[in-house]
Amino acid sequence: MALNRFSFVLYLFILWKGLSDSFNINVKQARIFKGPKKSQFGYKVLQHEAEGQKWLLVSAPRDGIAKSKNGDIYRCNISNKRSSNCMKLNSGEAALKNISDDMKNTHFGMTLTRNSQGFMVCAPLWSQKCGSSIYNTGICTNISSTFQPSGITAPTAQ
């Protein structure tokens, strides 16, 4: 009798657990966002809401011209069901332009995370010259919810 009761409780628990972890993906009307080839478009993805719109922020850490693939962030409007276009933010150039003139392959966008001001993007391979030495300190920038750079942090060079 105790075994039957235990089996029944176990069955209910497994049934409840299966129902609580479910989710739906619409495979018939999937939205596909595409970015530049060889840019690692989609390396990180973050949902974001700003200006009354819903956005998908997509990083492309190797985006850019052949000599300096510094990376960037794209915003894709998910409020508009008909469009699958993404717009490049040029946030790497805007945030880091006054800091270093010799930036190459910084991988801006390898870290993409939400914070209280909006979101933060990092370039872990950003380098800093000090005399004849070069230090790979990495650098992060805060970007406001309206997509404006609002502060820079070099985590390992504080």
Protein backbone atom coordinates (compact mmCIF):
# COMPACT_ATOMS: atom_id res chain seq x y z
CA MET A 1 0.00 0.00 0.00
CA ALA A 2 2.81 2.38 0.93
CA LEU A 3 4.59 1.56 -2.33
CA ASN A 4 1.46 2.41 -4.36
CA ARG A 5 1.06 5.72 -2.53
CA PHE A 6 4.76 6.55 -3.07
CA SER A 7 4.50 5.65 -6.76
CA PHE A 8 1.42 7.83 -7.17
CA VAL A 9 3.08 10.82 -5.46
CA LEU A 10 6.21 10.34 -7.57
CA TYR A 11 4.07 10.18 -10.72
CA LEU A 12 2.30 13.45 -9.78
CA PHE A 13 5.62 15.15 -9.03
CA ILE A 14 7.09 14.13 -12.39
CA LEU A 15 3.93 15.23 -14.18
CA TRP A 16 3.97 18.62 -12.39
CA LYS A 17 7.68 19.10 -13.06
CA GLY A 18 7.20 18.43 -16.76
CA LEU A 19 4.37 20.95 -17.04
CA SER A 20 6.21 23.68 -15.15
CA ASP A 21 9.27 23.63 -17.44
CA SER A 22 7.43 23.93 -20.72
CA PHE A 23 7.73 26.77 -23.22
CA ASN A 24 6.60 27.46 -26.76
CA ILE A 25 8.60 28.30 -29.85
CA ASN A 26 6.76 29.41 -32.95
CA VAL A 27 8.43 27.36 -35.68
CA LYS A 28 5.88 28.21 -38.38
CA GLN A 29 6.51 31.97 -38.30
CA ALA A 30 10.12 32.09 -37.11
CA ARG A 31 11.93 35.44 -37.31
CA ILE A 32 15.49 35.18 -38.55
CA PHE A 33 17.85 38.09 -38.03
CA LYS A 34 21.00 38.08 -40.14
CA GLY A 35 24.18 40.06 -39.79
CA PRO A 36 27.46 40.42 -41.66
CA LYS A 37 29.27 37.22 -42.51
CA LYS A 38 32.38 36.44 -40.45
CA SER A 39 31.39 39.02 -37.80
CA GLN A 40 30.22 36.37 -35.30
CA PHE A 41 26.79 38.02 -35.41
CA GLY A 42 24.72 36.52 -32.60
CA TYR A 43 27.61 35.79 -30.23
CA LYS A 44 25.56 37.35 -27.39
CA VAL A 45 21.87 38.27 -27.45
CA LEU A 46 19.96 40.42 -24.97
CA GLN A 47 16.29 41.45 -24.84
CA HIS A 48 15.89 45.19 -24.30
CA GLU A 49 12.97 47.59 -24.05
CA ALA A 50 13.40 51.30 -24.82
CA GLU A 51 11.49 54.17 -26.35
CA GLY A 52 8.28 52.12 -26.26
CA GLN A 53 9.83 49.46 -28.49
CA LYS A 54 11.09 45.96 -27.85
CA TRP A 55 14.56 45.24 -29.15
CA LEU A 56 16.89 42.31 -29.48
CA LEU A 57 20.48 43.44 -28.93
CA VAL A 58 22.89 41.25 -30.85
CA SER A 59 26.66 41.37 -30.55
CA ALA A 60 29.08 40.85 -33.42
CA PRO A 61 32.57 40.80 -31.82
CA ARG A 62 34.43 40.54 -35.15
CA ASP A 63 32.44 43.18 -37.01
CA GLY A 64 34.33 45.84 -38.92
CA ILE A 65 36.75 46.38 -41.76
CA ALA A 66 39.47 43.83 -42.52
CA LYS A 67 42.31 45.64 -40.72
CA SER A 68 40.44 46.39 -37.50
CA LYS A 69 37.65 43.99 -36.63
CA ASN A 70 36.77 45.67 -33.34
CA GLY A 71 33.19 44.43 -33.09
CA ASP A 72 29.87 46.16 -32.50
CA ILE A 73 26.30 45.78 -31.31
CA TYR A 74 23.18 45.60 -33.50
CA ARG A 75 19.64 46.35 -32.43
CA CYS A 76 16.82 44.40 -34.03
CA ASN A 77 13.25 45.63 -33.62
CA ILE A 78 11.05 42.78 -32.45
CA SER A 79 7.95 44.98 -32.03
CA ASN A 80 7.60 45.19 -35.81
CA LYS A 81 6.56 41.69 -36.87
CA ARG A 82 7.14 42.35 -40.58
CA SER A 83 10.74 43.50 -40.40
CA SER A 84 13.78 41.39 -39.60
CA ASN A 85 16.27 44.20 -40.17
CA CYS A 86 18.94 45.05 -37.64
CA MET A 87 20.66 48.40 -37.27
CA LYS A 88 24.33 48.75 -36.32
CA LEU A 89 24.74 50.98 -33.26
CA ASN A 90 28.40 51.98 -33.91
CA SER A 91 28.67 51.99 -30.14
CA GLY A 92 32.25 50.74 -30.09
CA GLU A 93 33.46 53.69 -32.14
CA ALA A 94 31.33 56.20 -30.25
CA ALA A 95 32.31 55.02 -26.79
CA LEU A 96 35.99 54.34 -27.34
CA LYS A 97 37.01 56.91 -29.97
CA ASN A 98 38.79 59.27 -27.53
CA ILE A 99 40.57 56.51 -25.64
CA SER A 100 42.77 54.80 -28.19
CA ASP A 101 43.65 55.50 -31.79
CA ASP A 102 45.26 52.14 -32.50
CA MET A 103 42.46 49.69 -31.72
CA LYS A 104 42.50 46.38 -33.58
CA ASN A 105 40.54 43.21 -32.90
CA THR A 106 39.24 44.33 -29.50
CA HIS A 107 36.19 42.02 -29.78
CA PHE A 108 33.74 44.69 -28.58
CA GLY A 109 30.54 42.80 -27.79
CA MET A 110 31.97 39.60 -26.34
CA THR A 111 30.29 40.62 -23.10
CA LEU A 112 26.76 42.01 -23.28
CA THR A 113 24.75 42.36 -20.09
CA ARG A 114 21.91 44.40 -18.62
CA ASN A 115 22.56 46.98 -15.88
CA SER A 116 20.58 49.70 -14.09
CA GLN A 117 21.29 52.38 -16.73
CA GLY A 118 20.59 50.20 -19.77
CA PHE A 119 23.23 47.68 -20.72
CA MET A 120 26.98 47.17 -20.67
CA VAL A 121 29.24 46.01 -23.48
CA CYS A 122 32.87 44.93 -23.09
CA ALA A 123 35.88 44.55 -25.36
CA PRO A 124 38.14 42.07 -23.53
CA LEU A 125 41.08 42.44 -25.92
CA TRP A 126 41.33 46.24 -25.73
CA SER A 127 44.95 47.20 -25.09
CA GLN A 128 46.56 50.11 -23.30
CA LYS A 129 50.07 51.42 -24.01
CA CYS A 130 52.30 52.44 -21.14
CA GLY A 131 55.74 53.47 -22.36
CA SER A 132 57.04 50.67 -24.54
CA SER A 133 54.73 48.06 -22.98
CA ILE A 134 51.24 47.09 -24.08
CA TYR A 135 48.74 45.80 -21.52
CA ASN A 136 45.58 43.93 -22.51
CA THR A 137 43.30 45.35 -19.85
CA GLY A 138 39.97 45.07 -21.59
CA ILE A 139 37.40 47.85 -21.45
CA CYS A 140 33.65 48.14 -20.89
CA THR A 141 31.18 50.87 -21.68
CA ASN A 142 27.76 51.54 -20.24
CA ILE A 143 25.11 52.32 -22.82
CA SER A 144 21.92 54.04 -21.76
CA SER A 145 18.48 52.65 -22.48
CA THR A 146 18.29 55.17 -25.36
CA PHE A 147 21.45 53.68 -26.91
CA GLN A 148 23.89 56.47 -25.92
CA PRO A 149 27.33 55.66 -24.40
CA SER A 150 27.33 56.87 -20.79
CA GLY A 151 30.58 55.81 -19.16
CA ILE A 152 33.70 53.71 -19.55
CA THR A 153 35.35 51.21 -17.21
CA ALA A 154 38.65 49.40 -17.64
CA PRO A 155 38.08 46.58 -15.12
CA THR A 156 41.69 45.44 -14.76
CA ALA A 157 43.24 48.92 -14.85
CA GLN A 158 41.41 50.53 -11.93
